[in-house]
Every structure is written in C-alpha cells, then in structure tokens.
Amino acid sequence: MLPEEDDVIPLAPSNCLTPRRLLATLSSLFVIIASSTDALAQGYATSTVDGAWSYLPVSPSRRAASSAIYDPVRDRMWIYSGRDPYWSALGEVWNLTLRASPTWQGIVPNGGVSAVWGAVPGYDGARDRFVLFSGANSAAPFDYDNGTRVLALAGSPTWVNLPSSGAVPLPRQGSAGFIDRARDRLVIFGGKTYDVE
C-alpha cells in the first residue's frame, strides 16, 4: 500500500517523514521517496540490499499530483507535470536514473500537449511509451481534460495526442490506473470530476 501524505515511514531520514509518493522499482535496487510538501522538495533512496539511505540531489521543483511510471527498459522513473502551490499545471517531464547513483534529468520532449496535473499514468511496454489519461489544468473551478497523451520514450522522447473512440470516460483527476498487458488496454478507476467522486 502506498503511504498517505501524513504517514511516517520508519527508518526514513528524519526530515522526510511525510512523503507524497513511494515508488519501489522492479529492479529491487532502490526504494525512492520523493517528498512534495510545501516545506520540502527533496528525495532519498534506500538500497534494498543493505538498507543504506542516500540523499538524492532533486532537481524538480516542489509539486503535488504528478504522474509517475517505472521504465524497466532504461531502469528509471519518469514523472510528468503535477501542480505548483498555486494549483497551476507544471507540464514538465523529468526522469530519475535508478542505478548506482540516482540522478534527476529534465527532459524537453518533441511535440507538445496541453499541461495537466493528476493524470492517470501507465507504462505501455509493448510500445515503449508513457500513457496519460485526463487530468486538470487549472485552479478551482477546475478545468478538466479527458484527452489521452502518450510520450514515446525511444530515441528522442516525443509527445502525441492519442485519438480516442467509443464511450470516452468523464474527464477526471486523481484516478488509479494501470496497463492491462494481457488485453492491451489502460484500466482506470475512481477519481474526481466536477465535484462528483
């Protein structure tokens, strides 16, 4: 289970006790804690081999409601957007290498899509891309977007707006989701849209 905002993780560094996101990599080398409270914009990694904590020189600005995936091909975490303290969508792309010395890198993809926060993320391994559905793009009253964006990760990362057909779900933010590899589809659940939860 992912920790909530105010959960305390035992043995974590003392100034990183209220993380927003915990990501355990499939390579089992590191557990990443990235804090995005108003007071903190920093991260730590602990080796799952010896339990030693190390500080990550975090470059992304503090944010909430970003979307993240683990990329097994490159062994790194990718994050997209999030919102700043004024509820504006950041629209940035960053990745964090997870081997030996974890390092953040800002990415400027080709193409362009409208910035949103709280999008449903998924890693499409069959096509090597970061899939994002919906999200919000402004402060209250929220302006929701139910588009589907994909970031092709191979070579020079490139944004593409993915056309949708059929009964498109209501726009939303804060949903849970995953890629169902057996059926080649993105599955989403819940979220918030137009004051309906």
Protein backbone atom coordinates (compact mmCIF):
# COMPACT_ATOMS: atom_id res chain seq x y z
CA MET A 1 0.00 0.00 0.00
CA LEU A 2 1.29 3.49 -0.83
CA PRO A 3 1.67 5.82 2.15
CA GLU A 4 -0.70 8.70 2.66
CA GLU A 5 0.56 12.27 2.99
CA ASP A 6 0.91 12.15 6.76
CA ASP A 7 2.16 8.59 7.15
CA VAL A 8 5.51 8.18 8.84
CA ILE A 9 7.89 5.66 7.32
CA PRO A 10 10.13 4.12 10.00
CA LEU A 11 13.90 4.45 9.42
CA ALA A 12 13.41 7.15 6.78
CA PRO A 13 15.58 10.27 7.11
CA SER A 14 14.17 12.48 9.86
CA ASN A 15 13.38 15.42 7.58
CA CYS A 16 11.48 13.32 5.04
CA LEU A 17 8.65 11.89 7.14
CA THR A 18 5.64 12.98 5.11
CA PRO A 19 6.23 11.70 1.56
CA ARG A 20 3.63 12.03 -1.17
CA ARG A 21 4.83 9.14 -3.29
CA LEU A 22 6.70 5.91 -2.66
CA LEU A 23 7.97 4.02 -5.69
CA ALA A 24 9.61 0.59 -5.37
CA THR A 25 11.48 -0.25 -8.52
CA LEU A 26 11.06 -3.64 -10.16
CA SER A 27 14.84 -3.98 -10.23
CA SER A 28 14.73 -4.22 -6.40
CA LEU A 29 17.76 -1.96 -6.08
CA PHE A 30 16.22 1.13 -4.57
CA VAL A 31 13.10 2.37 -2.86
CA ILE A 32 12.57 6.02 -3.78
CA ILE A 33 10.84 8.52 -1.53
CA ALA A 34 10.08 11.86 -3.13
CA SER A 35 8.55 14.46 -0.86
CA SER A 36 6.43 17.26 -2.25
CA THR A 37 5.11 19.03 0.84
CA ASP A 38 5.11 22.82 0.97
CA ALA A 39 8.26 22.70 3.08
CA LEU A 40 10.23 20.06 1.21
CA ALA A 41 11.31 19.33 -2.32
CA GLN A 42 13.79 16.55 -1.85
CA GLY A 43 14.18 12.83 -2.16
CA TYR A 44 16.01 9.88 -0.69
CA ALA A 45 16.81 6.36 -1.84
CA THR A 46 17.43 3.30 0.27
CA SER A 47 19.18 0.26 -1.10
CA THR A 48 17.09 -2.88 -0.73
CA VAL A 49 20.37 -4.78 -0.48
CA ASP A 50 21.97 -3.16 2.58
CA GLY A 51 19.32 -0.66 3.73
CA ALA A 52 21.64 2.34 3.48
CA TRP A 53 19.94 5.70 2.88
CA SER A 54 21.36 8.25 0.45
CA TYR A 55 20.26 11.78 -0.42
CA LEU A 56 19.09 12.47 -3.97
CA PRO A 57 20.00 15.89 -5.35
CA VAL A 58 16.44 16.56 -6.51
CA SER A 59 16.09 19.00 -9.35
CA PRO A 60 12.30 19.14 -9.91
CA SER A 61 10.57 21.95 -8.07
CA ARG A 62 8.13 21.03 -5.30
CA ARG A 63 4.84 19.76 -6.65
CA ALA A 64 1.79 17.63 -5.96
CA ALA A 65 -0.43 15.43 -8.15
CA SER A 66 2.30 14.46 -10.61
CA SER A 67 2.06 11.22 -12.61
CA ALA A 68 4.84 8.63 -12.44
CA ILE A 69 5.84 5.34 -14.03
CA TYR A 70 8.72 2.89 -13.76
CA ASP A 71 10.54 2.34 -17.07
CA PRO A 72 12.10 -1.17 -16.98
CA VAL A 73 13.90 -0.71 -20.31
CA ARG A 74 16.04 2.16 -19.01
CA ASP A 75 15.67 1.38 -15.28
CA ARG A 76 14.40 4.82 -14.37
CA MET A 77 11.36 6.60 -13.01
CA TRP A 78 9.58 9.15 -15.21
CA ILE A 79 7.36 11.87 -13.80
CA TYR A 80 5.03 14.19 -15.67
CA SER A 81 3.71 17.56 -14.59
CA GLY A 82 1.99 17.97 -11.24
CA ARG A 83 0.74 21.23 -9.81
CA ASP A 84 2.53 24.04 -8.03
CA PRO A 85 1.32 25.59 -4.73
CA TYR A 86 -0.99 27.86 -6.77
CA TRP A 87 -2.68 24.86 -8.46
CA SER A 88 -1.19 25.61 -11.87
CA ALA A 89 -0.15 22.64 -14.03
CA LEU A 90 3.62 22.47 -14.49
CA GLY A 91 3.70 20.36 -17.64
CA GLU A 92 7.33 19.28 -17.13
CA VAL A 93 8.89 15.88 -17.78
CA TRP A 94 11.68 14.52 -15.57
CA ASN A 95 13.32 11.16 -15.17
CA LEU A 96 15.38 9.64 -12.39
CA THR A 97 18.03 7.03 -13.15
CA LEU A 98 17.99 4.28 -10.54
CA ARG A 99 21.34 2.52 -10.89
CA ALA A 100 24.38 3.21 -8.69
CA SER A 101 23.99 7.00 -8.35
CA PRO A 102 20.33 8.01 -8.90
CA THR A 103 20.24 11.26 -10.88
CA TRP A 104 17.39 13.55 -11.95
CA GLN A 105 17.27 14.89 -15.51
CA GLY A 106 14.83 17.38 -17.01
CA ILE A 107 13.51 16.30 -20.42
CA VAL A 108 12.17 18.58 -23.16
CA PRO A 109 10.20 16.27 -25.48
CA ASN A 110 9.44 16.95 -29.12
CA GLY A 111 5.89 17.94 -29.89
CA GLY A 112 3.56 19.48 -27.38
CA VAL A 113 0.44 18.72 -25.38
CA SER A 114 -1.62 20.83 -23.01
CA ALA A 115 -0.33 20.65 -19.43
CA VAL A 116 -2.45 18.85 -16.84
CA TRP A 117 -1.99 17.57 -13.30
CA GLY A 118 -3.48 14.47 -11.68
CA ALA A 119 -3.46 12.44 -14.93
CA VAL A 120 -3.80 8.65 -14.84
CA PRO A 121 -0.38 7.20 -15.78
CA GLY A 122 0.62 3.89 -17.31
CA TYR A 123 3.68 2.34 -18.94
CA ASP A 124 2.86 0.73 -22.30
CA GLY A 125 5.71 -1.76 -22.55
CA ALA A 126 4.60 -3.16 -25.91
CA ARG A 127 5.14 0.27 -27.50
CA ASP A 128 7.68 1.71 -25.05
CA ARG A 129 5.68 4.79 -24.10
CA PHE A 130 4.29 6.74 -21.14
CA VAL A 131 0.47 6.89 -21.38
CA LEU A 132 -1.54 9.60 -19.60
CA PHE A 133 -5.32 9.99 -19.45
CA SER A 134 -7.25 13.08 -18.43
CA GLY A 135 -6.24 15.44 -15.61
CA ALA A 136 -6.97 19.02 -14.58
CA ASN A 137 -5.23 22.08 -15.95
CA SER A 138 -6.12 24.98 -13.70
CA ALA A 139 -7.07 26.04 -10.21
CA ALA A 140 -10.64 25.83 -8.89
CA PRO A 141 -13.08 25.82 -10.51
CA PHE A 142 -11.07 23.06 -12.14
CA ASP A 143 -10.91 22.82 -15.90
CA TYR A 144 -10.75 19.11 -16.67
CA ASP A 145 -9.39 17.49 -19.79
CA ASN A 146 -10.28 13.96 -20.90
CA GLY A 147 -7.67 13.64 -23.63
CA THR A 148 -5.13 10.82 -23.87
CA ARG A 149 -1.48 11.75 -24.28
CA VAL A 150 1.43 9.44 -24.95
CA LEU A 151 5.13 10.15 -24.62
CA ALA A 152 7.19 7.87 -26.86
CA LEU A 153 10.34 7.10 -24.86
CA ALA A 154 12.62 5.56 -27.51
CA GLY A 155 15.19 7.83 -29.12
CA SER A 156 14.20 11.46 -28.64
CA PRO A 157 11.05 11.47 -26.44
CA THR A 158 8.05 12.78 -28.39
CA TRP A 159 4.52 13.75 -27.34
CA VAL A 160 1.50 12.58 -29.31
CA ASN A 161 -2.20 13.21 -28.65
CA LEU A 162 -3.87 9.80 -28.97
CA PRO A 163 -7.30 9.86 -30.67
CA SER A 164 -9.97 8.00 -28.69
CA SER A 165 -13.12 6.27 -29.87
CA GLY A 166 -16.13 4.74 -28.20
CA ALA A 167 -17.54 5.93 -24.88
CA VAL A 168 -14.71 8.09 -23.51
CA PRO A 169 -14.73 8.28 -19.68
CA LEU A 170 -15.62 11.56 -17.99
CA PRO A 171 -12.61 13.83 -17.51
CA ARG A 172 -11.09 13.46 -14.04
CA GLN A 173 -8.02 13.82 -11.87
CA GLY A 174 -6.57 11.67 -9.11
CA SER A 175 -7.69 8.31 -10.51
CA ALA A 176 -5.96 4.98 -10.08
CA GLY A 177 -4.95 3.14 -13.23
CA PHE A 178 -2.71 0.53 -14.81
CA ILE A 179 -1.87 -1.02 -18.16
CA ASP A 180 -3.54 -4.42 -18.60
CA ARG A 181 -0.87 -6.07 -20.76
CA ALA A 182 -2.88 -9.23 -21.45
CA ARG A 183 -5.70 -7.20 -23.04
CA ASP A 184 -3.56 -4.26 -24.25
CA ARG A 185 -5.55 -1.52 -22.56
CA LEU A 186 -5.43 1.18 -19.88
CA VAL A 187 -7.75 0.48 -16.95
CA ILE A 188 -8.81 3.38 -14.71
CA PHE A 189 -10.83 3.58 -11.51
CA GLY A 190 -12.29 6.43 -9.48
CA GLY A 191 -11.01 9.98 -9.34
CA LYS A 192 -12.71 13.33 -9.05
CA THR A 193 -14.61 15.21 -11.74
CA TYR A 194 -16.82 18.27 -11.50
CA ASP A 195 -17.46 17.74 -7.76
CA VAL A 196 -18.51 14.11 -8.32
CA GLU A 197 -16.32 11.45 -6.69
